[in-house]
């Protein structure tokens, strides 16, 4: 994940993804998550990862495209899928995908992690960030910060909480700089640790 942009560097332009942009958004997120501890624990085989990834994105955060809350930075250097209050992942599609694609050796652990994630979701209306990522060759240029700032400004205007699960400890400082605070940790069996994080509106 990139560091916060400095005052000397203008923030990257943020665009709302159109239907024609969906495949490119999914592709850059696939690059961003190809070394993510949580994602690669769930999908350890490279061929399986790339074959499953588009369906995973559509099930987990795909409603952002229809809600107009899927964003990309620069020339698809980075992307973020935000689900506004009232929008949720497609749990049925996600469950079916996991059952057919997760190795049987840790399916129970994966579903235990998903259950814990559900337990941490705020009960009040909130913006949820299922996926945000930067092309690995472009990290450190402010794209992640720009994407966060863009959506969090709307959450602040709405006086609404924002929520995410961090799947890598190296990302936590970025989220913390933008006002997120860890409210616990999630771990089951062989899984890495995930950190549910909440941000109060400013």
N, C-alpha and C. Protein backbone atom coordinates (compact mmCIF):
# COMPACT_ATOMS: atom_id res chain seq x y z
N UNK A 1 0.84 -1.19 0.00
CA UNK A 1 0.00 0.00 0.00
C UNK A 1 0.87 1.24 0.00
N UNK A 2 0.44 2.27 -0.66
CA UNK A 2 1.25 3.47 -0.74
C UNK A 2 1.20 4.27 0.53
N UNK A 3 2.16 5.15 0.67
CA UNK A 3 2.14 6.09 1.78
C UNK A 3 1.24 7.25 1.42
N UNK A 4 0.90 8.07 2.40
CA UNK A 4 0.04 9.21 2.16
C UNK A 4 0.73 10.19 1.21
N UNK A 5 -0.06 10.85 0.38
CA UNK A 5 0.52 11.82 -0.52
C UNK A 5 1.03 13.02 0.26
N UNK A 6 2.07 13.65 -0.25
CA UNK A 6 2.63 14.82 0.41
C UNK A 6 2.03 16.07 -0.21
N UNK A 7 2.20 17.19 0.48
CA UNK A 7 1.64 18.44 -0.01
C UNK A 7 2.29 18.88 -1.33
N UNK A 8 3.50 18.39 -1.61
CA UNK A 8 4.20 18.78 -2.83
C UNK A 8 3.73 17.99 -4.04
N UNK A 9 2.99 16.93 -3.83
CA UNK A 9 2.55 16.07 -4.92
C UNK A 9 1.03 16.13 -5.04
N UNK A 10 0.50 16.54 -6.15
CA UNK A 10 -0.96 16.58 -6.30
C UNK A 10 -1.52 15.16 -6.24
N UNK A 11 -2.66 14.98 -5.60
CA UNK A 11 -3.23 13.63 -5.50
C UNK A 11 -3.65 13.11 -6.87
N UNK A 12 -3.55 11.82 -7.08
CA UNK A 12 -3.97 11.25 -8.36
C UNK A 12 -5.47 11.49 -8.59
N UNK A 13 -5.82 11.64 -9.85
CA UNK A 13 -7.23 11.81 -10.20
C UNK A 13 -7.99 10.52 -9.92
N UNK A 14 -9.18 10.66 -9.34
CA UNK A 14 -10.03 9.52 -9.04
C UNK A 14 -11.23 9.54 -9.98
N UNK A 15 -11.51 8.39 -10.59
CA UNK A 15 -12.63 8.26 -11.51
C UNK A 15 -13.60 7.19 -11.00
N UNK A 16 -14.87 7.36 -11.32
CA UNK A 16 -15.86 6.34 -11.01
C UNK A 16 -15.89 5.33 -12.15
N UNK A 17 -15.79 4.06 -11.81
CA UNK A 17 -15.75 3.02 -12.84
C UNK A 17 -17.10 2.89 -13.54
N UNK A 18 -17.06 2.76 -14.85
CA UNK A 18 -18.25 2.52 -15.67
C UNK A 18 -18.33 1.03 -15.97
N UNK A 19 -19.43 0.56 -16.55
CA UNK A 19 -19.50 -0.86 -16.93
C UNK A 19 -18.35 -1.30 -17.83
N UNK A 20 -17.85 -0.41 -18.67
CA UNK A 20 -16.74 -0.75 -19.56
C UNK A 20 -15.43 -0.91 -18.81
N UNK A 21 -15.37 -0.43 -17.57
CA UNK A 21 -14.12 -0.47 -16.79
C UNK A 21 -14.01 -1.68 -15.87
N UNK A 22 -15.07 -2.47 -15.76
CA UNK A 22 -15.12 -3.52 -14.74
C UNK A 22 -13.93 -4.47 -14.85
N UNK A 23 -13.64 -4.95 -16.04
CA UNK A 23 -12.57 -5.94 -16.19
C UNK A 23 -11.21 -5.34 -15.80
N UNK A 24 -10.99 -4.08 -16.12
CA UNK A 24 -9.70 -3.45 -15.77
C UNK A 24 -9.59 -3.24 -14.26
N UNK A 25 -10.69 -2.89 -13.63
CA UNK A 25 -10.68 -2.76 -12.17
C UNK A 25 -10.39 -4.11 -11.52
N UNK A 26 -11.04 -5.14 -11.98
CA UNK A 26 -10.81 -6.47 -11.43
C UNK A 26 -9.36 -6.90 -11.65
N UNK A 27 -8.80 -6.55 -12.80
CA UNK A 27 -7.42 -6.94 -13.11
C UNK A 27 -6.43 -6.27 -12.18
N UNK A 28 -6.57 -4.96 -11.95
CA UNK A 28 -5.60 -4.29 -11.07
C UNK A 28 -5.75 -4.78 -9.64
N UNK A 29 -6.97 -5.07 -9.21
CA UNK A 29 -7.14 -5.63 -7.88
C UNK A 29 -6.51 -7.02 -7.78
N UNK A 30 -6.59 -7.79 -8.87
CA UNK A 30 -5.93 -9.10 -8.88
C UNK A 30 -4.43 -8.99 -8.71
N UNK A 31 -3.81 -8.00 -9.38
CA UNK A 31 -2.38 -7.77 -9.19
C UNK A 31 -2.08 -7.35 -7.75
N UNK A 32 -2.91 -6.47 -7.22
CA UNK A 32 -2.67 -5.95 -5.88
C UNK A 32 -2.75 -7.03 -4.82
N UNK A 33 -3.64 -7.99 -5.00
CA UNK A 33 -3.86 -9.00 -3.98
C UNK A 33 -3.10 -10.30 -4.23
N UNK A 34 -2.26 -10.34 -5.26
CA UNK A 34 -1.60 -11.61 -5.59
C UNK A 34 -0.58 -12.03 -4.54
N UNK A 35 -0.15 -11.09 -3.67
CA UNK A 35 0.75 -11.45 -2.58
C UNK A 35 0.13 -11.14 -1.21
N UNK A 36 -1.17 -10.89 -1.19
CA UNK A 36 -1.87 -10.59 0.05
C UNK A 36 -1.96 -11.85 0.92
N UNK A 37 -1.58 -11.77 2.19
CA UNK A 37 -1.56 -12.99 3.03
C UNK A 37 -2.91 -13.68 3.12
N UNK A 38 -3.98 -12.92 3.33
CA UNK A 38 -5.28 -13.55 3.48
C UNK A 38 -5.80 -14.16 2.20
N UNK A 39 -5.66 -13.44 1.11
CA UNK A 39 -6.17 -13.93 -0.17
C UNK A 39 -5.42 -15.17 -0.63
N UNK A 40 -4.10 -15.13 -0.53
CA UNK A 40 -3.32 -16.28 -1.00
C UNK A 40 -3.38 -17.46 -0.06
N UNK A 41 -3.75 -17.22 1.21
CA UNK A 41 -4.04 -18.35 2.10
C UNK A 41 -5.30 -19.07 1.61
N UNK A 42 -6.31 -18.29 1.21
CA UNK A 42 -7.55 -18.90 0.73
C UNK A 42 -7.37 -19.54 -0.65
N UNK A 43 -6.56 -18.90 -1.51
CA UNK A 43 -6.35 -19.39 -2.88
C UNK A 43 -4.86 -19.57 -3.13
N UNK A 44 -4.25 -20.63 -2.60
CA UNK A 44 -2.79 -20.77 -2.67
C UNK A 44 -2.26 -21.16 -4.04
N UNK A 45 -3.07 -21.82 -4.86
CA UNK A 45 -2.60 -22.25 -6.17
C UNK A 45 -2.71 -21.11 -7.16
N UNK A 46 -1.63 -20.72 -7.86
CA UNK A 46 -1.68 -19.56 -8.76
C UNK A 46 -2.73 -19.67 -9.86
N UNK A 47 -2.83 -20.82 -10.50
CA UNK A 47 -3.82 -20.98 -11.57
C UNK A 47 -5.23 -20.83 -11.02
N UNK A 48 -5.47 -21.45 -9.88
CA UNK A 48 -6.78 -21.35 -9.27
C UNK A 48 -7.08 -19.90 -8.89
N UNK A 49 -6.08 -19.22 -8.34
CA UNK A 49 -6.27 -17.83 -7.94
C UNK A 49 -6.75 -16.99 -9.11
N UNK A 50 -6.06 -17.06 -10.23
CA UNK A 50 -6.42 -16.21 -11.36
C UNK A 50 -7.74 -16.62 -12.00
N UNK A 51 -8.08 -17.91 -11.93
CA UNK A 51 -9.34 -18.35 -12.53
C UNK A 51 -10.54 -17.97 -11.66
N UNK A 52 -10.34 -17.91 -10.34
CA UNK A 52 -11.43 -17.63 -9.41
C UNK A 52 -11.58 -16.14 -9.14
N UNK A 53 -10.50 -15.38 -9.28
CA UNK A 53 -10.48 -13.99 -8.83
C UNK A 53 -11.64 -13.14 -9.37
N UNK A 54 -11.94 -13.13 -10.67
CA UNK A 54 -13.03 -12.28 -11.15
C UNK A 54 -14.37 -12.58 -10.47
N UNK A 55 -14.68 -13.85 -10.29
CA UNK A 55 -15.94 -14.20 -9.62
C UNK A 55 -15.90 -13.80 -8.15
N UNK A 56 -14.74 -13.92 -7.53
CA UNK A 56 -14.62 -13.51 -6.13
C UNK A 56 -14.88 -12.02 -5.96
N UNK A 57 -14.28 -11.22 -6.83
CA UNK A 57 -14.47 -9.76 -6.75
C UNK A 57 -15.94 -9.41 -6.94
N UNK A 58 -16.58 -10.02 -7.92
CA UNK A 58 -17.98 -9.70 -8.19
C UNK A 58 -18.88 -10.10 -7.01
N UNK A 59 -18.56 -11.22 -6.35
CA UNK A 59 -19.38 -11.65 -5.21
C UNK A 59 -19.12 -10.80 -3.97
N UNK A 60 -17.86 -10.46 -3.75
CA UNK A 60 -17.47 -9.78 -2.51
C UNK A 60 -17.75 -8.28 -2.57
N UNK A 61 -17.40 -7.66 -3.67
CA UNK A 61 -17.56 -6.21 -3.75
C UNK A 61 -18.21 -5.71 -5.01
N UNK A 62 -18.74 -6.62 -5.82
CA UNK A 62 -19.23 -6.25 -7.13
C UNK A 62 -20.41 -5.30 -7.14
N UNK A 63 -21.19 -5.25 -6.06
CA UNK A 63 -22.32 -4.33 -6.02
C UNK A 63 -21.86 -2.87 -6.08
N UNK A 64 -20.58 -2.62 -5.81
CA UNK A 64 -20.07 -1.26 -5.92
C UNK A 64 -20.20 -0.74 -7.35
N UNK A 65 -20.10 -1.62 -8.33
CA UNK A 65 -20.21 -1.18 -9.73
C UNK A 65 -21.61 -0.65 -10.01
N UNK A 66 -22.64 -1.35 -9.55
CA UNK A 66 -24.01 -0.89 -9.80
C UNK A 66 -24.39 0.29 -8.93
N UNK A 67 -23.71 0.46 -7.80
CA UNK A 67 -23.99 1.56 -6.89
C UNK A 67 -23.26 2.84 -7.28
N UNK A 68 -22.34 2.75 -8.24
CA UNK A 68 -21.55 3.92 -8.61
C UNK A 68 -20.49 4.26 -7.58
N UNK A 69 -20.05 3.26 -6.82
CA UNK A 69 -19.05 3.49 -5.77
C UNK A 69 -17.82 2.61 -5.97
N UNK A 70 -17.56 2.26 -7.23
CA UNK A 70 -16.30 1.60 -7.61
C UNK A 70 -15.42 2.67 -8.24
N UNK A 71 -14.22 2.84 -7.70
CA UNK A 71 -13.35 3.94 -8.12
C UNK A 71 -11.99 3.41 -8.57
N UNK A 72 -11.36 4.15 -9.48
CA UNK A 72 -9.99 3.82 -9.84
C UNK A 72 -9.17 5.10 -9.90
N UNK A 73 -7.87 4.95 -9.73
CA UNK A 73 -6.96 6.08 -9.69
C UNK A 73 -6.01 6.01 -10.88
N UNK A 74 -5.71 7.18 -11.46
CA UNK A 74 -4.80 7.21 -12.58
C UNK A 74 -5.32 6.37 -13.73
N UNK A 75 -4.40 5.79 -14.47
CA UNK A 75 -4.76 4.89 -15.57
C UNK A 75 -4.88 3.46 -15.04
N UNK A 76 -5.84 3.27 -14.14
CA UNK A 76 -6.07 1.97 -13.51
C UNK A 76 -4.83 1.49 -12.76
N UNK A 77 -4.16 2.44 -12.09
CA UNK A 77 -3.03 2.10 -11.22
C UNK A 77 -3.51 1.48 -9.92
N UNK A 78 -4.73 1.79 -9.53
CA UNK A 78 -5.28 1.32 -8.25
C UNK A 78 -6.79 1.39 -8.34
N UNK A 79 -7.44 0.65 -7.47
CA UNK A 79 -8.91 0.65 -7.48
C UNK A 79 -9.44 0.35 -6.09
N UNK A 80 -10.66 0.78 -5.84
CA UNK A 80 -11.32 0.50 -4.56
C UNK A 80 -12.80 0.26 -4.82
N UNK A 81 -13.35 -0.74 -4.18
CA UNK A 81 -14.77 -1.03 -4.26
C UNK A 81 -15.39 -0.73 -2.89
N UNK A 82 -16.22 0.28 -2.85
CA UNK A 82 -16.92 0.67 -1.62
C UNK A 82 -18.39 0.27 -1.72
N UNK A 83 -18.91 -0.27 -0.64
CA UNK A 83 -20.34 -0.57 -0.57
C UNK A 83 -20.99 0.46 0.36
N UNK A 84 -21.90 1.28 -0.16
CA UNK A 84 -22.54 2.29 0.67
C UNK A 84 -23.51 1.67 1.67
N UNK A 85 -23.98 2.45 2.63
CA UNK A 85 -24.96 1.90 3.59
C UNK A 85 -26.12 1.22 2.87
N UNK A 86 -26.44 0.03 3.33
CA UNK A 86 -27.53 -0.74 2.73
C UNK A 86 -27.10 -1.73 1.67
N UNK A 87 -25.88 -1.58 1.14
CA UNK A 87 -25.36 -2.52 0.14
C UNK A 87 -24.44 -3.54 0.84
N UNK A 88 -24.46 -4.77 0.36
CA UNK A 88 -23.72 -5.84 1.02
C UNK A 88 -23.09 -6.77 -0.02
N UNK A 89 -22.08 -7.53 0.39
CA UNK A 89 -21.58 -8.58 -0.51
C UNK A 89 -22.69 -9.57 -0.84
N UNK A 90 -22.54 -10.25 -1.96
CA UNK A 90 -23.48 -11.30 -2.35
C UNK A 90 -23.09 -12.56 -1.60
N UNK A 91 -23.67 -12.75 -0.43
CA UNK A 91 -23.25 -13.84 0.45
C UNK A 91 -23.52 -15.21 -0.15
N UNK A 92 -24.61 -15.35 -0.88
CA UNK A 92 -24.92 -16.63 -1.50
C UNK A 92 -23.88 -16.98 -2.55
N UNK A 93 -23.57 -16.03 -3.42
CA UNK A 93 -22.57 -16.28 -4.46
C UNK A 93 -21.20 -16.51 -3.84
N UNK A 94 -20.88 -15.75 -2.79
CA UNK A 94 -19.59 -15.92 -2.14
C UNK A 94 -19.47 -17.29 -1.50
N UNK A 95 -20.53 -17.74 -0.83
CA UNK A 95 -20.50 -19.06 -0.20
C UNK A 95 -20.34 -20.17 -1.22
N UNK A 96 -21.07 -20.07 -2.33
CA UNK A 96 -20.96 -21.08 -3.39
C UNK A 96 -19.56 -21.12 -3.97
N UNK A 97 -19.00 -19.93 -4.20
CA UNK A 97 -17.64 -19.85 -4.75
C UNK A 97 -16.63 -20.49 -3.81
N UNK A 98 -16.75 -20.19 -2.53
CA UNK A 98 -15.80 -20.75 -1.56
C UNK A 98 -15.91 -22.27 -1.50
N UNK A 99 -17.11 -22.77 -1.53
CA UNK A 99 -17.29 -24.22 -1.44
C UNK A 99 -16.67 -24.96 -2.61
N UNK A 100 -16.72 -24.35 -3.79
CA UNK A 100 -16.19 -25.05 -4.98
C UNK A 100 -14.72 -24.78 -5.23
N UNK A 101 -14.15 -23.75 -4.59
CA UNK A 101 -12.79 -23.36 -4.94
C UNK A 101 -11.77 -23.44 -3.81
N UNK A 102 -12.21 -23.40 -2.56
CA UNK A 102 -11.27 -23.44 -1.44
C UNK A 102 -10.84 -24.88 -1.20
N UNK A 103 -9.54 -25.13 -1.00
CA UNK A 103 -9.10 -26.49 -0.70
C UNK A 103 -9.85 -27.06 0.50
N UNK A 104 -10.23 -28.32 0.39
CA UNK A 104 -11.02 -28.94 1.46
C UNK A 104 -10.30 -28.92 2.79
N UNK A 105 -8.96 -28.88 2.75
CA UNK A 105 -8.18 -28.92 3.98
C UNK A 105 -8.40 -27.71 4.88
N UNK A 106 -8.82 -26.57 4.30
CA UNK A 106 -9.09 -25.44 5.18
C UNK A 106 -10.38 -24.69 4.86
N UNK A 107 -11.36 -25.40 4.29
CA UNK A 107 -12.67 -24.78 4.09
C UNK A 107 -13.29 -24.36 5.40
N UNK A 108 -13.19 -25.22 6.42
CA UNK A 108 -13.79 -24.87 7.72
C UNK A 108 -13.18 -23.60 8.27
N UNK A 109 -11.87 -23.45 8.12
CA UNK A 109 -11.20 -22.25 8.63
C UNK A 109 -11.65 -21.00 7.87
N UNK A 110 -11.80 -21.13 6.55
CA UNK A 110 -12.24 -19.98 5.74
C UNK A 110 -13.63 -19.53 6.17
N UNK A 111 -14.53 -20.47 6.33
CA UNK A 111 -15.89 -20.08 6.72
C UNK A 111 -15.92 -19.56 8.15
N UNK A 112 -15.03 -20.04 9.01
CA UNK A 112 -14.95 -19.49 10.36
C UNK A 112 -14.47 -18.04 10.33
N UNK A 113 -13.51 -17.74 9.45
CA UNK A 113 -13.05 -16.36 9.30
C UNK A 113 -14.18 -15.47 8.80
N UNK A 114 -14.92 -15.93 7.78
CA UNK A 114 -16.03 -15.15 7.25
C UNK A 114 -17.10 -14.90 8.31
N UNK A 115 -17.34 -15.89 9.15
CA UNK A 115 -18.32 -15.72 10.22
C UNK A 115 -17.86 -14.66 11.22
N UNK A 116 -16.58 -14.69 11.57
CA UNK A 116 -16.05 -13.68 12.48
C UNK A 116 -16.12 -12.29 11.85
N UNK A 117 -15.84 -12.19 10.56
CA UNK A 117 -15.96 -10.90 9.88
C UNK A 117 -17.38 -10.36 10.00
N UNK A 118 -18.35 -11.23 9.81
CA UNK A 118 -19.73 -10.80 9.94
C UNK A 118 -20.05 -10.30 11.33
N UNK A 119 -19.46 -10.93 12.33
CA UNK A 119 -19.71 -10.52 13.71
C UNK A 119 -19.19 -9.12 14.01
N UNK A 120 -18.13 -8.70 13.30
CA UNK A 120 -17.53 -7.39 13.56
C UNK A 120 -18.17 -6.26 12.76
N UNK A 121 -18.94 -6.58 11.76
CA UNK A 121 -19.56 -5.51 10.97
C UNK A 121 -20.43 -4.63 11.86
N UNK A 122 -20.31 -3.32 11.74
CA UNK A 122 -21.19 -2.44 12.53
C UNK A 122 -22.65 -2.72 12.24
N UNK A 123 -23.48 -2.57 13.26
CA UNK A 123 -24.91 -2.78 13.07
C UNK A 123 -25.59 -1.52 12.56
N UNK A 124 -24.96 -0.37 12.75
CA UNK A 124 -25.54 0.88 12.26
C UNK A 124 -25.12 1.09 10.81
N UNK A 125 -25.79 1.97 10.08
CA UNK A 125 -25.42 2.22 8.68
C UNK A 125 -23.95 2.60 8.55
N UNK A 126 -23.29 2.04 7.54
CA UNK A 126 -21.86 2.30 7.38
C UNK A 126 -21.44 2.06 5.94
N UNK A 127 -20.33 2.71 5.57
CA UNK A 127 -19.65 2.43 4.31
C UNK A 127 -18.68 1.28 4.55
N UNK A 128 -18.72 0.29 3.67
CA UNK A 128 -17.86 -0.89 3.81
C UNK A 128 -16.89 -0.95 2.63
N UNK A 129 -15.64 -1.18 2.94
CA UNK A 129 -14.58 -1.29 1.92
C UNK A 129 -14.12 -2.74 1.83
N UNK A 130 -14.72 -3.56 0.96
CA UNK A 130 -14.27 -4.94 0.83
C UNK A 130 -12.92 -5.08 0.15
N UNK A 131 -12.63 -4.19 -0.83
CA UNK A 131 -11.41 -4.35 -1.63
C UNK A 131 -10.83 -3.00 -2.01
N UNK A 132 -9.54 -2.83 -1.76
CA UNK A 132 -8.78 -1.70 -2.25
C UNK A 132 -7.37 -2.21 -2.55
N UNK A 133 -6.79 -1.78 -3.66
CA UNK A 133 -5.46 -2.27 -3.99
C UNK A 133 -4.78 -1.42 -5.03
N UNK A 134 -3.45 -1.49 -5.02
CA UNK A 134 -2.60 -0.74 -5.93
C UNK A 134 -1.73 -1.72 -6.70
N UNK A 135 -1.57 -1.48 -8.00
CA UNK A 135 -0.63 -2.27 -8.81
C UNK A 135 0.73 -2.28 -8.10
N UNK A 136 1.30 -3.46 -7.82
CA UNK A 136 2.55 -3.51 -7.05
C UNK A 136 3.67 -2.64 -7.61
N UNK A 137 3.74 -2.45 -8.92
CA UNK A 137 4.83 -1.65 -9.48
C UNK A 137 4.59 -0.15 -9.30
N UNK A 138 3.41 0.23 -8.81
CA UNK A 138 3.08 1.64 -8.63
C UNK A 138 2.81 2.01 -7.18
N UNK A 139 3.11 1.11 -6.27
CA UNK A 139 2.89 1.41 -4.86
C UNK A 139 3.85 2.50 -4.39
N UNK A 140 3.42 3.23 -3.39
CA UNK A 140 4.25 4.29 -2.83
C UNK A 140 4.09 5.63 -3.52
N UNK A 141 3.08 5.76 -4.40
CA UNK A 141 2.89 7.00 -5.16
C UNK A 141 1.60 7.74 -4.75
N UNK A 142 0.96 7.30 -3.68
CA UNK A 142 -0.20 8.01 -3.18
C UNK A 142 -1.55 7.55 -3.70
N UNK A 143 -1.58 6.49 -4.48
CA UNK A 143 -2.85 6.05 -5.05
C UNK A 143 -3.81 5.53 -3.97
N UNK A 144 -3.30 4.75 -3.05
CA UNK A 144 -4.16 4.21 -1.99
C UNK A 144 -4.75 5.31 -1.14
N UNK A 145 -3.94 6.27 -0.76
CA UNK A 145 -4.42 7.38 0.05
C UNK A 145 -5.49 8.18 -0.70
N UNK A 146 -5.25 8.43 -1.98
CA UNK A 146 -6.21 9.20 -2.77
C UNK A 146 -7.56 8.49 -2.84
N UNK A 147 -7.54 7.18 -3.02
CA UNK A 147 -8.79 6.42 -3.07
C UNK A 147 -9.52 6.46 -1.73
N UNK A 148 -8.77 6.35 -0.64
CA UNK A 148 -9.39 6.42 0.67
C UNK A 148 -10.00 7.80 0.91
N UNK A 149 -9.25 8.84 0.63
CA UNK A 149 -9.73 10.19 0.87
C UNK A 149 -11.00 10.48 0.08
N UNK A 150 -11.04 9.99 -1.15
CA UNK A 150 -12.19 10.26 -2.02
C UNK A 150 -13.48 9.74 -1.40
N UNK A 151 -13.49 8.49 -0.96
CA UNK A 151 -14.71 7.90 -0.42
C UNK A 151 -14.99 8.36 1.01
N UNK A 152 -13.94 8.55 1.79
CA UNK A 152 -14.15 8.96 3.18
C UNK A 152 -14.72 10.37 3.27
N UNK A 153 -14.45 11.20 2.28
CA UNK A 153 -15.07 12.53 2.26
C UNK A 153 -16.59 12.40 2.19
N UNK A 154 -17.08 11.43 1.43
CA UNK A 154 -18.52 11.20 1.35
C UNK A 154 -19.06 10.69 2.68
N UNK A 155 -18.33 9.76 3.31
CA UNK A 155 -18.76 9.26 4.62
C UNK A 155 -18.84 10.39 5.64
N UNK A 156 -17.87 11.30 5.58
CA UNK A 156 -17.90 12.44 6.50
C UNK A 156 -19.09 13.36 6.21
N UNK A 157 -19.37 13.60 4.94
CA UNK A 157 -20.53 14.43 4.60
C UNK A 157 -21.83 13.80 5.09
N UNK A 158 -21.88 12.46 5.06
CA UNK A 158 -23.07 11.73 5.50
C UNK A 158 -23.09 11.49 7.01
N UNK A 159 -21.97 11.83 7.69
CA UNK A 159 -21.82 11.54 9.13
C UNK A 159 -22.03 10.05 9.39
N UNK A 160 -21.33 9.23 8.60
CA UNK A 160 -21.51 7.79 8.62
C UNK A 160 -20.19 7.08 8.91
N UNK A 161 -20.27 5.99 9.66
CA UNK A 161 -19.09 5.16 9.92
C UNK A 161 -18.55 4.58 8.61
N UNK A 162 -17.25 4.25 8.64
CA UNK A 162 -16.64 3.45 7.58
C UNK A 162 -16.01 2.22 8.23
N UNK A 163 -16.00 1.11 7.50
CA UNK A 163 -15.52 -0.15 8.07
C UNK A 163 -14.76 -0.94 7.02
N UNK A 164 -13.72 -1.64 7.45
CA UNK A 164 -12.97 -2.53 6.56
C UNK A 164 -12.33 -3.64 7.39
N UNK A 165 -11.84 -4.66 6.69
CA UNK A 165 -10.99 -5.67 7.32
C UNK A 165 -9.63 -5.62 6.63
N UNK A 166 -8.61 -5.34 7.39
CA UNK A 166 -7.26 -5.34 6.84
C UNK A 166 -6.72 -6.76 6.84
N UNK A 167 -6.21 -7.18 5.70
CA UNK A 167 -5.71 -8.55 5.57
C UNK A 167 -4.19 -8.63 5.58
N UNK A 168 -3.53 -7.50 5.82
CA UNK A 168 -2.06 -7.50 5.89
C UNK A 168 -1.60 -6.45 6.89
N UNK A 169 -0.70 -6.80 7.79
CA UNK A 169 -0.26 -5.82 8.79
C UNK A 169 0.44 -4.62 8.19
N UNK A 170 1.01 -4.75 7.01
CA UNK A 170 1.70 -3.61 6.41
C UNK A 170 0.72 -2.53 5.93
N UNK A 171 -0.55 -2.89 5.80
CA UNK A 171 -1.55 -1.90 5.39
C UNK A 171 -2.12 -1.11 6.56
N UNK A 172 -2.00 -1.65 7.77
CA UNK A 172 -2.66 -1.02 8.91
C UNK A 172 -2.24 0.44 9.13
N UNK A 173 -0.94 0.78 9.03
CA UNK A 173 -0.58 2.19 9.23
C UNK A 173 -1.26 3.14 8.25
N UNK A 174 -1.45 2.71 7.00
CA UNK A 174 -2.15 3.54 6.02
C UNK A 174 -3.57 3.82 6.49
N UNK A 175 -4.27 2.77 6.88
CA UNK A 175 -5.64 2.94 7.33
C UNK A 175 -5.70 3.82 8.59
N UNK A 176 -4.76 3.61 9.48
CA UNK A 176 -4.75 4.39 10.71
C UNK A 176 -4.53 5.88 10.42
N UNK A 177 -3.70 6.19 9.43
CA UNK A 177 -3.49 7.59 9.07
C UNK A 177 -4.76 8.25 8.56
N UNK A 178 -5.67 7.44 8.07
CA UNK A 178 -6.93 7.98 7.57
C UNK A 178 -8.07 7.82 8.57
N UNK A 179 -7.73 7.53 9.82
CA UNK A 179 -8.71 7.56 10.89
C UNK A 179 -9.31 6.24 11.30
N UNK A 180 -8.89 5.15 10.69
CA UNK A 180 -9.41 3.84 11.09
C UNK A 180 -8.71 3.35 12.37
N UNK A 181 -9.47 2.64 13.18
CA UNK A 181 -8.92 2.04 14.39
C UNK A 181 -9.32 0.56 14.43
N UNK A 182 -8.35 -0.29 14.76
CA UNK A 182 -8.64 -1.72 14.90
C UNK A 182 -9.55 -1.94 16.10
N UNK A 183 -10.56 -2.77 15.92
CA UNK A 183 -11.49 -3.06 17.01
C UNK A 183 -11.41 -4.52 17.44
N UNK A 184 -10.39 -5.22 16.98
CA UNK A 184 -10.20 -6.62 17.35
C UNK A 184 -9.30 -7.29 16.34
N UNK A 185 -9.30 -8.60 16.35
CA UNK A 185 -8.55 -9.38 15.37
C UNK A 185 -9.35 -10.65 15.07
N UNK A 186 -9.11 -11.16 13.87
CA UNK A 186 -9.84 -12.33 13.37
C UNK A 186 -8.82 -13.37 12.96
N UNK A 187 -9.00 -14.59 13.44
CA UNK A 187 -8.09 -15.67 13.08
C UNK A 187 -8.79 -16.99 13.37
N UNK A 188 -8.58 -17.97 12.49
CA UNK A 188 -9.17 -19.30 12.69
C UNK A 188 -8.26 -20.36 12.10
N UNK A 189 -7.91 -21.35 12.88
CA UNK A 189 -7.11 -22.47 12.38
C UNK A 189 -5.81 -22.03 11.77
N UNK A 190 -5.65 -22.30 10.47
CA UNK A 190 -4.40 -22.00 9.77
C UNK A 190 -4.37 -20.59 9.17
N UNK A 191 -5.41 -19.81 9.38
CA UNK A 191 -5.51 -18.52 8.71
C UNK A 191 -4.50 -17.53 9.26
N UNK A 192 -4.10 -16.55 8.43
CA UNK A 192 -3.39 -15.39 8.96
C UNK A 192 -4.37 -14.53 9.74
N UNK A 193 -3.88 -13.50 10.37
CA UNK A 193 -4.73 -12.60 11.14
C UNK A 193 -5.30 -11.51 10.24
N UNK A 194 -6.55 -11.18 10.47
CA UNK A 194 -7.23 -10.06 9.84
C UNK A 194 -7.61 -9.07 10.94
N UNK A 195 -7.65 -7.78 10.59
CA UNK A 195 -7.97 -6.76 11.58
C UNK A 195 -9.21 -5.98 11.15
N UNK A 196 -10.34 -6.17 11.83
CA UNK A 196 -11.50 -5.33 11.55
C UNK A 196 -11.22 -3.92 12.06
N UNK A 197 -11.53 -2.93 11.23
CA UNK A 197 -11.19 -1.54 11.56
C UNK A 197 -12.39 -0.64 11.28
N UNK A 198 -12.61 0.29 12.19
CA UNK A 198 -13.75 1.21 12.09
C UNK A 198 -13.23 2.65 12.10
N UNK A 199 -13.87 3.48 11.32
CA UNK A 199 -13.54 4.91 11.30
C UNK A 199 -14.80 5.71 11.57
N UNK A 200 -14.74 6.56 12.59
CA UNK A 200 -15.86 7.44 12.89
C UNK A 200 -15.82 8.65 11.95
N UNK A 201 -16.98 9.18 11.59
CA UNK A 201 -17.00 10.35 10.70
C UNK A 201 -16.37 11.57 11.36
N UNK A 202 -15.80 12.43 10.55
CA UNK A 202 -15.15 13.63 11.05
C UNK A 202 -15.94 14.86 10.64
